[in-house]
Amino acid sequence: MFIGIDLGTSSVKMILVDNNQQILATSNSALTVKSPKDGYSEQDPSEWIDATLKCLTSLKKKKPKEFVETISIGISGHMHGATLIDDNQNIIRPCILWNDTRSFKECEEFEDQDFDVRSISGNITMSGFTAPKINWIKKNEPENFKKIFKVLLPKDFLRLFLTGEYFSEMSDASGTLWLDIKQRKWSNELLSSSFLEEKHMPKLSEGNEPTGIVKKSIKEKFGFNKEVVVVGGAGDNAASAVGMGIINENQSFISLGTSGVFFTPTQNFLSNTGDAVHSFCHCLPNKWHLMSVMLSASNCLDWICKITNTSIDEALKNIENYFSESNLKSSTTYFLPYLSGERTPHNDPHIRGSFHSLKTTTPPVELQYAVIEGVSFGILDGINSILKVNSNFENIFMVGGGSRSIFWNELLASLLNRELSICDQSEFGAALGVARLAMYQDTNIHNKNNIIKEIKITKIYQPKESKFEQLHKRYVIWKDLYENNKNISKKIIS
């Protein structure tokens, strides 16, 4: 038996799987996020422990005989969070999360070095990453900075609780800006840019490697029969990729969740910092991945449905009818989907969402369509940024809440002029991914190459050539709208 733990921003999700990767039981426990000031986003790490204990208790209650036979555990977690630990393993302050934007000024400080930061880190410095958060703490909370013994990512703090060991793994560590992505090791130069040394970092492992065993107190509390190994695990998107079987360079996925992600593995280290493409290690040895991230995707649809007092299902039906009736013209309303700023390709914390070409006759359905189209254009922006350095991907899977919309899948297939595959998916995809990584520690599994399988395809959407040209004409205008709005947006936010 194997356990997969997914530490998300809003909840801890957990699964128990058998040797055939059948999910025997699931559990989840909610978490809270605090925003003490505008742009701040924090979480109390002790909540992660409480939620994990609740989930373990729930799994054991549901499948007691199977649960106690657990061999190994894998952990996935939301990336970039700065969890500060003193030399007594106490939490110094609340964890600063991935969506916290307070450190945008420190990003410039981090890159103002006498060496090329981006060539080592593989990434442009953004306030979402861990490093500028530490620079902010040094400047604004010097007493807390002095107490730092270790800087841990969220899932690695959970590992410390389970095993007493300080470890991280390559995919999650890539999001700190302190990792030499190509060499897969901590960079002393990058650490010095945050006034840290390697002694402040956990040891590094690959995602399928052992990082310790569950502590005796926890083993006895839950009645495990074996010494339970905890493997390196993965950052959330890499874990989801493994859950779908996406580890080879011809594969990729688009996630239409709260944020919008395009993810594709690579066999070598590649980078495009000019377009704010994320270049990370994958969670398996000798593999990397490229990722574009837009900060607002399906939450844009949630937002416009609230504004127009329309359910999501009703809005999608209205949008589909609107699109099929050939109402689309160059003057149809446009939407910039930057409700929280943007990462790829703009790295612009100041840009905000906006409608363009509004008229007195503009109906609500046109606004709803513009939102779906604008998010789709943002996905295309990200894919085009990755295509500048890598074009090896062929198969694109659709995941996330937005992928449940037939219309949205059809629109994206036509816009990208590519086949899009819909697959079986579950809210426990990341947990399945790290449970698969945990299976590498089972000595009874002799052929480890069969552990990570591609997920089953349930439907394929083909592009419609009749829509491609029309959409691309609008895409060109849409891109101009950002260029003409970015300067005024900075003045407004400032």
Protein backbone atom coordinates (compact mmCIF):
# COMPACT_ATOMS: atom_id res chain seq x y z
CA MET A 1 0.00 0.00 0.00
CA PHE A 2 1.11 3.55 -0.72
CA ILE A 3 -0.06 6.95 0.47
CA GLY A 4 -0.06 10.12 -1.64
CA ILE A 5 -0.34 13.45 0.19
CA ASP A 6 -1.17 16.64 -1.70
CA LEU A 7 -0.68 19.79 0.36
CA GLY A 8 -2.72 22.36 -1.55
CA THR A 9 -3.37 26.00 -0.75
CA SER A 10 -6.99 25.37 0.26
CA SER A 11 -6.81 21.80 1.59
CA VAL A 12 -4.76 18.69 2.21
CA LYS A 13 -5.88 15.80 0.01
CA MET A 14 -4.74 12.24 0.60
CA ILE A 15 -5.16 8.86 -1.08
CA LEU A 16 -4.37 5.24 -0.25
CA VAL A 17 -3.52 3.12 -3.30
CA ASP A 18 -2.63 -0.53 -3.82
CA ASN A 19 0.00 -2.15 -6.05
CA ASN A 20 -2.34 -1.85 -9.04
CA GLN A 21 -2.69 1.89 -8.42
CA GLN A 22 -6.32 1.49 -7.49
CA ILE A 23 -7.45 4.24 -5.12
CA LEU A 24 -8.80 2.45 -2.07
CA ALA A 25 -9.67 5.49 0.04
CA THR A 26 -9.48 9.28 -0.07
CA SER A 27 -9.64 12.05 2.49
CA ASN A 28 -9.28 15.80 2.64
CA SER A 29 -9.13 18.57 5.22
CA ALA A 30 -9.59 22.29 4.61
CA LEU A 31 -6.94 24.98 5.18
CA THR A 32 -7.25 28.74 5.62
CA VAL A 33 -5.29 31.55 3.99
CA LYS A 34 -4.79 34.90 5.67
CA SER A 35 -4.24 38.25 3.95
CA PRO A 36 -3.11 40.70 6.66
CA LYS A 37 -2.52 43.41 4.03
CA ASP A 38 -3.28 43.99 0.36
CA GLY A 39 -1.01 41.72 -1.67
CA TYR A 40 -0.12 39.56 1.34
CA SER A 41 -0.95 35.84 1.43
CA GLU A 42 0.11 33.69 4.38
CA GLN A 43 -0.64 30.36 6.00
CA ASP A 44 0.09 28.87 9.42
CA PRO A 45 2.22 25.71 8.86
CA SER A 46 0.77 24.12 11.99
CA GLU A 47 -2.51 23.85 10.05
CA TRP A 48 -0.75 21.57 7.55
CA ILE A 49 0.17 19.19 10.35
CA ASP A 50 -3.33 19.17 11.84
CA ALA A 51 -4.91 18.58 8.43
CA THR A 52 -2.45 15.78 7.62
CA LEU A 53 -3.18 14.00 10.90
CA LYS A 54 -6.93 14.28 10.23
CA CYS A 55 -6.50 12.81 6.74
CA LEU A 56 -4.34 9.92 7.97
CA THR A 57 -6.92 9.16 10.67
CA SER A 58 -9.68 9.19 8.04
CA LEU A 59 -7.80 6.83 5.70
CA LYS A 60 -7.16 4.38 8.51
CA LYS A 61 -10.82 4.45 9.54
CA LYS A 62 -11.96 3.72 5.97
CA LYS A 63 -9.43 0.96 5.16
CA PRO A 64 -7.78 -0.13 8.44
CA LYS A 65 -6.25 -3.45 7.28
CA GLU A 66 -4.79 -1.96 4.09
CA PHE A 67 -3.66 1.28 5.72
CA VAL A 68 -1.36 -0.35 8.27
CA GLU A 69 0.44 -2.22 5.45
CA THR A 70 1.66 1.05 3.90
CA ILE A 71 5.17 0.75 2.44
CA SER A 72 5.91 4.33 1.46
CA ILE A 73 4.53 7.87 1.24
CA GLY A 74 4.93 10.61 -1.35
CA ILE A 75 4.21 14.31 -0.76
CA SER A 76 3.15 17.00 -3.22
CA GLY A 77 2.84 20.64 -2.27
CA HIS A 78 2.07 24.15 -3.44
CA MET A 79 5.37 25.66 -4.51
CA HIS A 80 7.47 28.72 -3.58
CA GLY A 81 6.22 29.17 -0.01
CA ALA A 82 8.83 30.48 2.46
CA THR A 83 8.58 28.39 5.65
CA LEU A 84 11.19 29.56 8.16
CA ILE A 85 12.46 27.23 10.89
CA ASP A 86 14.77 28.05 13.82
CA ASP A 87 17.37 25.70 15.29
CA ASN A 88 14.77 24.17 17.62
CA GLN A 89 12.51 23.29 14.66
CA ASN A 90 10.06 26.02 15.67
CA ILE A 91 8.13 28.02 13.07
CA ILE A 92 9.48 31.58 13.04
CA ARG A 93 6.55 33.26 11.26
CA PRO A 94 3.60 32.33 9.02
CA CYS A 95 4.57 30.90 5.62
CA ILE A 96 4.55 33.49 2.82
CA LEU A 97 2.68 31.81 -0.04
CA TRP A 98 3.17 31.55 -3.80
CA ASN A 99 0.52 34.18 -4.58
CA ASP A 100 1.97 36.83 -2.23
CA THR A 101 3.16 39.90 -4.18
CA ARG A 102 4.78 42.04 -1.47
CA SER A 103 8.35 41.40 -2.66
CA PHE A 104 8.14 42.83 -6.18
CA LYS A 105 10.77 45.49 -5.34
CA GLU A 106 13.13 42.85 -3.93
CA CYS A 107 13.04 41.04 -7.27
CA GLU A 108 15.24 43.78 -8.74
CA GLU A 109 17.58 43.56 -5.75
CA PHE A 110 17.93 39.80 -6.21
CA GLU A 111 18.95 40.15 -9.86
CA ASP A 112 21.30 43.10 -9.27
CA GLN A 113 24.43 40.92 -9.03
CA ASP A 114 27.80 40.78 -10.77
CA PHE A 115 26.82 37.46 -12.40
CA ASP A 116 23.92 36.35 -14.60
CA VAL A 117 21.28 35.16 -12.15
CA ARG A 118 18.92 33.94 -14.86
CA SER A 119 21.46 31.71 -16.62
CA ILE A 120 21.87 29.67 -13.42
CA SER A 121 18.34 29.75 -12.03
CA GLY A 122 16.80 29.27 -15.48
CA ASN A 123 14.07 31.73 -14.56
CA ILE A 124 13.24 35.40 -14.32
CA THR A 125 12.84 36.63 -10.73
CA MET A 126 9.19 37.01 -9.74
CA SER A 127 7.63 37.90 -6.40
CA GLY A 128 5.89 34.54 -6.35
CA PHE A 129 9.21 32.70 -6.00
CA THR A 130 10.86 32.01 -2.64
CA ALA A 131 14.09 34.03 -2.92
CA PRO A 132 12.65 37.58 -3.04
CA LYS A 133 10.45 36.72 -0.05
CA ILE A 134 13.59 36.13 2.01
CA ASN A 135 15.07 39.40 0.78
CA TRP A 136 11.87 41.13 1.92
CA ILE A 137 12.10 39.48 5.35
CA LYS A 138 15.72 40.58 5.78
CA LYS A 139 14.73 44.16 4.99
CA ASN A 140 11.44 44.33 6.88
CA GLU A 141 11.72 41.70 9.62
CA PRO A 142 15.45 41.58 10.48
CA GLU A 143 14.90 39.80 13.80
CA ASN A 144 13.06 36.98 12.06
CA PHE A 145 15.78 36.78 9.41
CA LYS A 146 18.45 36.32 12.11
CA LYS A 147 16.58 33.32 13.53
CA ILE A 148 16.59 31.35 10.26
CA PHE A 149 18.11 27.89 10.61
CA LYS A 150 16.40 26.35 7.56
CA VAL A 151 14.19 27.65 4.77
CA LEU A 152 11.73 24.93 3.80
CA LEU A 153 9.08 24.65 1.12
CA PRO A 154 5.60 23.75 2.41
CA LYS A 155 5.68 20.04 1.60
CA ASP A 156 9.20 19.77 3.02
CA PHE A 157 8.03 21.18 6.34
CA LEU A 158 5.44 18.41 6.34
CA ARG A 159 8.27 15.94 5.62
CA LEU A 160 10.17 17.31 8.64
CA PHE A 161 7.13 16.61 10.80
CA LEU A 162 6.79 13.06 9.46
CA THR A 163 10.47 12.04 9.44
CA GLY A 164 12.53 14.61 11.34
CA GLU A 165 14.66 15.00 8.19
CA TYR A 166 15.50 18.14 6.17
CA PHE A 167 15.03 17.28 2.48
CA SER A 168 13.65 18.82 -0.67
CA GLU A 169 13.51 17.46 -4.21
CA MET A 170 14.39 18.92 -7.58
CA SER A 171 11.04 20.02 -8.99
CA ASP A 172 9.96 21.97 -5.91
CA ALA A 173 13.45 23.33 -5.22
CA SER A 174 13.47 24.74 -8.78
CA GLY A 175 10.87 27.29 -7.69
CA THR A 176 13.08 28.84 -5.03
CA LEU A 177 15.47 30.60 -7.48
CA TRP A 178 18.39 29.14 -5.49
CA LEU A 179 18.79 25.96 -7.54
CA ASP A 180 21.26 25.55 -10.39
CA ILE A 181 18.61 24.01 -12.66
CA LYS A 182 21.02 22.47 -15.17
CA GLN A 183 23.34 20.95 -12.54
CA ARG A 184 20.48 20.01 -10.16
CA LYS A 185 22.20 21.38 -7.06
CA TRP A 186 22.03 24.40 -4.77
CA SER A 187 23.92 27.40 -6.14
CA ASN A 188 26.08 29.25 -3.63
CA GLU A 189 25.97 32.32 -5.87
CA LEU A 190 22.18 32.39 -5.97
CA LEU A 191 21.92 31.75 -2.22
CA SER A 192 24.27 34.65 -1.55
CA SER A 193 21.84 36.90 -3.44
CA SER A 194 19.42 36.27 -0.55
CA PHE A 195 22.16 36.51 2.10
CA LEU A 196 21.94 32.76 2.74
CA GLU A 197 24.31 29.78 2.58
CA GLU A 198 23.83 26.14 1.67
CA LYS A 199 23.63 25.28 5.38
CA HIS A 200 20.25 27.03 5.43
CA MET A 201 18.90 24.63 2.80
CA PRO A 202 17.60 21.08 3.11
CA LYS A 203 19.45 18.26 1.35
CA LEU A 204 18.33 17.49 -2.20
CA SER A 205 16.89 14.29 -3.66
CA GLU A 206 15.02 13.15 -6.73
CA GLY A 207 11.27 12.71 -6.37
CA ASN A 208 11.35 8.90 -6.28
CA GLU A 209 14.29 8.61 -3.87
CA PRO A 210 14.00 7.91 -0.11
CA THR A 211 14.30 10.90 2.23
CA GLY A 212 13.79 9.19 5.57
CA ILE A 213 11.32 6.98 7.40
CA VAL A 214 8.24 7.90 9.39
CA LYS A 215 9.14 8.74 13.00
CA LYS A 216 8.56 6.11 15.65
CA SER A 217 5.92 8.22 17.42
CA ILE A 218 3.85 8.57 14.24
CA LYS A 219 4.37 4.92 13.26
CA GLU A 220 3.01 3.83 16.64
CA LYS A 221 0.19 6.39 16.61
CA PHE A 222 -1.20 5.00 13.34
CA GLY A 223 -0.14 1.37 13.78
CA PHE A 224 1.98 0.99 10.65
CA ASN A 225 3.43 -2.53 10.46
CA LYS A 226 6.49 -1.52 8.44
CA GLU A 227 9.16 1.15 8.49
CA VAL A 228 7.37 3.56 6.16
CA VAL A 229 9.66 5.33 3.70
CA VAL A 230 8.92 8.93 2.67
CA VAL A 231 10.17 9.76 -0.84
CA GLY A 232 11.16 13.14 -2.26
CA GLY A 233 7.79 13.77 -3.88
CA ALA A 234 7.15 16.75 -6.17
CA GLY A 235 5.91 20.28 -6.59
CA ASP A 236 2.21 20.43 -7.43
CA ASN A 237 2.36 20.68 -11.22
CA ALA A 238 5.12 18.08 -11.58
CA ALA A 239 3.10 15.77 -9.32
CA SER A 240 0.00 16.27 -11.48
CA ALA A 241 2.09 15.50 -14.57
CA VAL A 242 3.27 12.21 -13.08
CA GLY A 243 -0.33 11.44 -12.11
CA MET A 244 -1.22 11.76 -15.81
CA GLY A 245 1.91 9.91 -16.98
CA ILE A 246 3.44 13.03 -18.54
CA ILE A 247 7.19 12.54 -18.23
CA ASN A 248 8.34 12.45 -21.88
CA GLU A 249 9.11 15.37 -24.17
CA ASN A 250 6.37 14.56 -26.72
CA GLN A 251 3.71 15.02 -24.02
CA SER A 252 2.16 18.12 -22.47
CA PHE A 253 -0.91 19.36 -20.67
CA ILE A 254 -3.01 22.49 -20.35
CA SER A 255 -4.58 23.08 -16.96
CA LEU A 256 -7.63 25.35 -16.88
CA GLY A 257 -7.87 25.77 -13.13
CA THR A 258 -7.85 28.91 -11.05
CA SER A 259 -4.59 29.66 -12.85
CA GLY A 260 -3.79 28.57 -16.40
CA VAL A 261 -0.77 26.34 -16.99
CA PHE A 262 0.93 24.79 -19.99
CA PHE A 263 3.44 22.09 -18.98
CA THR A 264 5.78 20.02 -21.16
CA PRO A 265 8.74 17.82 -20.15
CA THR A 266 12.17 18.17 -21.80
CA GLN A 267 15.15 15.83 -21.96
CA ASN A 268 17.59 18.69 -21.34
CA PHE A 269 17.71 22.01 -19.56
CA LEU A 270 16.08 24.72 -21.71
CA SER A 271 15.19 28.29 -20.80
CA ASN A 272 13.33 31.35 -22.09
CA THR A 273 13.53 33.95 -19.35
CA GLY A 274 12.71 36.75 -21.79
CA ASP A 275 9.10 35.55 -21.88
CA ALA A 276 8.96 34.55 -18.20
CA VAL A 277 8.78 30.85 -19.04
CA HIS A 278 9.36 28.65 -15.98
CA SER A 279 12.27 26.26 -16.46
CA PHE A 280 12.28 23.61 -13.74
CA CYS A 281 13.65 20.16 -13.01
CA HIS A 282 11.06 17.40 -13.32
CA CYS A 283 10.65 15.10 -10.31
CA LEU A 284 12.40 12.12 -11.95
CA PRO A 285 16.17 11.91 -12.59
CA ASN A 286 17.59 13.51 -15.73
CA LYS A 287 14.32 15.14 -16.74
CA TRP A 288 13.31 18.80 -16.85
CA HIS A 289 10.17 20.68 -17.85
CA LEU A 290 9.04 24.02 -19.23
CA MET A 291 5.92 25.70 -17.93
CA SER A 292 3.97 28.83 -18.77
CA VAL A 293 1.71 30.24 -16.06
CA MET A 294 -1.11 32.75 -16.29
CA LEU A 295 -2.39 33.81 -12.89
CA SER A 296 -6.10 34.05 -13.72
CA ALA A 297 -7.92 31.46 -15.83
CA SER A 298 -11.15 29.76 -14.73
CA ASN A 299 -11.51 32.28 -11.91
CA CYS A 300 -12.10 34.89 -14.65
CA LEU A 301 -15.17 32.89 -15.68
CA ASP A 302 -16.29 32.68 -12.03
CA TRP A 303 -15.91 36.44 -11.77
CA ILE A 304 -17.91 37.36 -14.90
CA CYS A 305 -20.69 34.93 -13.95
CA LYS A 306 -21.07 36.70 -10.61
CA ILE A 307 -21.06 40.10 -12.33
CA THR A 308 -23.76 39.02 -14.83
CA ASN A 309 -25.70 36.96 -12.25
CA THR A 310 -25.41 33.84 -14.42
CA SER A 311 -24.50 30.28 -13.49
CA ILE A 312 -21.36 28.87 -15.10
CA ASP A 313 -23.32 26.17 -16.95
CA GLU A 314 -25.79 28.74 -18.29
CA ALA A 315 -22.99 31.10 -19.31
CA LEU A 316 -21.13 28.35 -21.20
CA LYS A 317 -24.32 27.39 -23.04
CA ASN A 318 -24.96 31.03 -23.96
CA ILE A 319 -21.35 31.47 -25.13
CA GLU A 320 -21.50 28.35 -27.30
CA ASN A 321 -24.69 29.56 -29.02
CA TYR A 322 -23.17 33.01 -29.49
CA PHE A 323 -20.04 31.56 -31.09
CA SER A 324 -21.87 29.10 -33.35
CA GLU A 325 -24.21 31.78 -34.70
CA SER A 326 -21.24 33.62 -36.25
CA ASN A 327 -21.68 36.73 -34.13
CA LEU A 328 -17.92 37.07 -33.86
CA LYS A 329 -16.47 40.18 -35.53
CA SER A 330 -13.29 42.16 -35.13
CA SER A 331 -15.29 44.71 -33.10
CA THR A 332 -16.62 42.12 -30.65
CA THR A 333 -15.60 42.99 -27.09
CA TYR A 334 -12.09 41.97 -25.95
CA PHE A 335 -10.98 41.03 -22.46
CA LEU A 336 -7.50 41.16 -20.91
CA PRO A 337 -7.59 38.37 -18.26
CA TYR A 338 -5.07 39.89 -15.87
CA LEU A 339 -7.14 40.14 -12.70
CA SER A 340 -4.05 39.54 -10.54
CA GLY A 341 -1.26 40.67 -12.86
CA GLU A 342 0.48 38.19 -15.13
CA ARG A 343 3.50 35.88 -15.30
CA THR A 344 4.07 34.34 -18.74
CA PRO A 345 4.92 36.07 -21.02
CA HIS A 346 4.79 39.53 -19.44
CA ASN A 347 6.03 39.18 -15.84
CA ASP A 348 3.86 42.19 -15.09
CA PRO A 349 2.53 42.56 -11.51
CA HIS A 350 0.83 45.88 -12.37
CA ILE A 351 -1.39 44.94 -15.34
CA ARG A 352 -5.05 44.34 -14.50
CA GLY A 353 -8.09 42.97 -16.28
CA SER A 354 -10.04 45.18 -18.66
CA PHE A 355 -12.75 45.09 -21.33
CA HIS A 356 -12.27 46.83 -24.68
CA SER A 357 -14.67 47.81 -27.47
CA LEU A 358 -17.70 48.06 -25.22
CA LYS A 359 -20.85 49.55 -26.76
CA THR A 360 -24.28 50.55 -25.53
CA THR A 361 -25.60 47.43 -27.28
CA THR A 362 -23.07 44.99 -25.76
CA PRO A 363 -25.06 42.10 -24.21
CA PRO A 364 -23.89 40.06 -21.18
CA VAL A 365 -23.17 37.01 -23.36
CA GLU A 366 -20.61 39.01 -25.34
CA LEU A 367 -18.78 39.86 -22.12
CA GLN A 368 -18.89 36.20 -21.12
CA TYR A 369 -17.50 35.15 -24.49
CA ALA A 370 -14.77 37.79 -24.33
CA VAL A 371 -13.64 36.38 -20.97
CA ILE A 372 -13.37 32.80 -22.28
CA GLU A 373 -11.59 34.02 -25.41
CA GLY A 374 -9.20 36.25 -23.46
CA VAL A 375 -8.14 33.39 -21.18
CA SER A 376 -7.65 31.19 -24.24
CA PHE A 377 -5.47 33.86 -25.85
CA GLY A 378 -3.43 33.91 -22.64
CA ILE A 379 -2.90 30.13 -22.92
CA LEU A 380 -1.76 30.62 -26.54
CA ASP A 381 0.64 33.35 -25.36
CA GLY A 382 2.23 30.83 -23.01
CA ILE A 383 2.50 28.06 -25.60
CA ASN A 384 4.04 30.47 -28.13
CA SER A 385 6.62 31.48 -25.50
CA ILE A 386 7.62 27.84 -25.03
CA LEU A 387 7.67 27.18 -28.77
CA LYS A 388 10.53 29.66 -29.07
CA VAL A 389 12.83 27.16 -27.33
CA ASN A 390 11.04 23.81 -27.62
CA SER A 391 8.62 22.33 -30.16
CA ASN A 392 8.92 18.63 -29.32
CA PHE A 393 5.51 18.26 -27.72
CA GLU A 394 2.75 16.64 -29.79
CA ASN A 395 0.14 15.25 -27.42
CA ILE A 396 -1.71 17.87 -25.36
CA PHE A 397 -3.97 16.76 -22.51
CA MET A 398 -6.64 19.02 -21.03
CA VAL A 399 -7.16 19.06 -17.26
CA GLY A 400 -8.68 21.34 -14.65
CA GLY A 401 -12.23 22.53 -14.09
CA GLY A 402 -12.38 24.49 -17.35
CA SER A 403 -11.61 21.36 -19.39
CA ARG A 404 -15.05 19.99 -18.49
CA SER A 405 -16.53 22.50 -20.95
CA ILE A 406 -16.97 20.99 -24.42
CA PHE A 407 -17.12 24.45 -25.96
CA TRP A 408 -13.92 25.67 -24.30
CA ASN A 409 -12.05 22.57 -25.51
CA GLU A 410 -13.34 23.10 -29.05
CA LEU A 411 -12.38 26.78 -28.98
CA LEU A 412 -8.85 26.02 -27.77
CA ALA A 413 -8.36 23.22 -30.32
CA SER A 414 -9.28 25.63 -33.12
CA LEU A 415 -7.20 28.48 -31.70
CA LEU A 416 -4.09 26.29 -31.22
CA ASN A 417 -4.77 24.34 -34.43
CA ARG A 418 -3.95 21.13 -32.54
CA GLU A 419 -5.72 18.03 -31.29
CA LEU A 420 -6.58 18.20 -27.60
CA SER A 421 -7.12 15.04 -25.54
CA ILE A 422 -9.50 14.82 -22.61
CA CYS A 423 -8.56 12.23 -20.01
CA ASP A 424 -9.90 10.65 -16.87
CA GLN A 425 -9.08 13.05 -14.12
CA SER A 426 -9.70 13.52 -10.47
CA GLU A 427 -9.10 16.14 -7.84
CA PHE A 428 -6.57 13.66 -6.44
CA GLY A 429 -4.28 13.73 -9.52
CA ALA A 430 -1.29 15.25 -7.72
CA ALA A 431 -1.71 12.80 -4.82
CA LEU A 432 -1.73 9.92 -7.33
CA GLY A 433 1.44 11.31 -8.90
CA VAL A 434 3.40 11.23 -5.64
CA ALA A 435 1.88 7.86 -4.68
CA ARG A 436 3.41 6.60 -7.93
CA LEU A 437 6.76 8.07 -6.93
CA ALA A 438 6.43 6.28 -3.58
CA MET A 439 5.97 2.97 -5.41
CA TYR A 440 9.61 3.10 -6.53
CA GLN A 441 10.53 2.06 -2.97
CA ASP A 442 8.64 -1.24 -3.18
CA THR A 443 11.28 -3.95 -3.67
CA ASN A 444 8.58 -6.31 -4.97
CA ILE A 445 8.05 -4.11 -8.03
CA HIS A 446 10.86 -5.29 -10.30
CA ASN A 447 10.00 -3.33 -13.45
CA LYS A 448 9.93 0.26 -12.29
CA ASN A 449 9.37 1.45 -15.89
CA ASN A 450 5.73 0.34 -15.64
CA ILE A 451 4.88 2.49 -12.62
CA ILE A 452 4.14 5.72 -14.49
CA LYS A 453 1.52 5.11 -17.15
CA GLU A 454 -0.20 7.60 -19.42
CA ILE A 455 -3.70 8.34 -18.29
CA LYS A 456 -6.66 7.04 -20.32
CA ILE A 457 -7.95 9.31 -23.10
CA THR A 458 -11.74 9.62 -23.14
CA LYS A 459 -12.22 12.08 -26.02
CA ILE A 460 -10.20 13.96 -28.63
CA TYR A 461 -11.16 17.41 -29.94
CA GLN A 462 -10.14 18.34 -33.47
CA PRO A 463 -9.44 21.93 -34.60
CA LYS A 464 -11.98 23.61 -36.86
CA GLU A 465 -10.20 25.36 -39.70
CA SER A 466 -13.17 27.66 -40.33
CA LYS A 467 -12.61 29.30 -36.92
CA PHE A 468 -8.81 29.41 -36.90
CA GLU A 469 -8.29 32.47 -39.16
CA GLN A 470 -10.99 34.53 -37.45
CA LEU A 471 -9.65 33.79 -33.98
CA HIS A 472 -6.10 34.63 -34.96
CA LYS A 473 -7.08 37.99 -36.38
CA ARG A 474 -8.61 38.80 -33.01
CA TYR A 475 -5.57 37.43 -31.19
CA VAL A 476 -3.29 39.91 -32.99
CA ILE A 477 -5.52 42.83 -31.93
CA TRP A 478 -5.74 41.44 -28.38
CA LYS A 479 -1.94 41.41 -28.07
CA ASP A 480 -1.82 45.06 -29.14
CA LEU A 481 -4.30 45.91 -26.38
CA TYR A 482 -1.84 44.69 -23.74
CA GLU A 483 1.03 46.68 -25.24
CA ASN A 484 -1.10 49.83 -25.22
CA ASN A 485 -2.38 49.26 -21.68
CA LYS A 486 0.70 48.21 -19.73
CA ASN A 487 2.04 51.72 -19.09
CA ILE A 488 -1.24 53.21 -17.94
CA SER A 489 -1.85 50.16 -15.70
CA LYS A 490 1.43 50.76 -13.90
CA LYS A 491 0.40 54.35 -13.20
CA ILE A 492 -2.99 53.27 -11.88
CA ILE A 493 -1.57 50.61 -9.53
CA SER A 494 1.22 52.84 -8.31
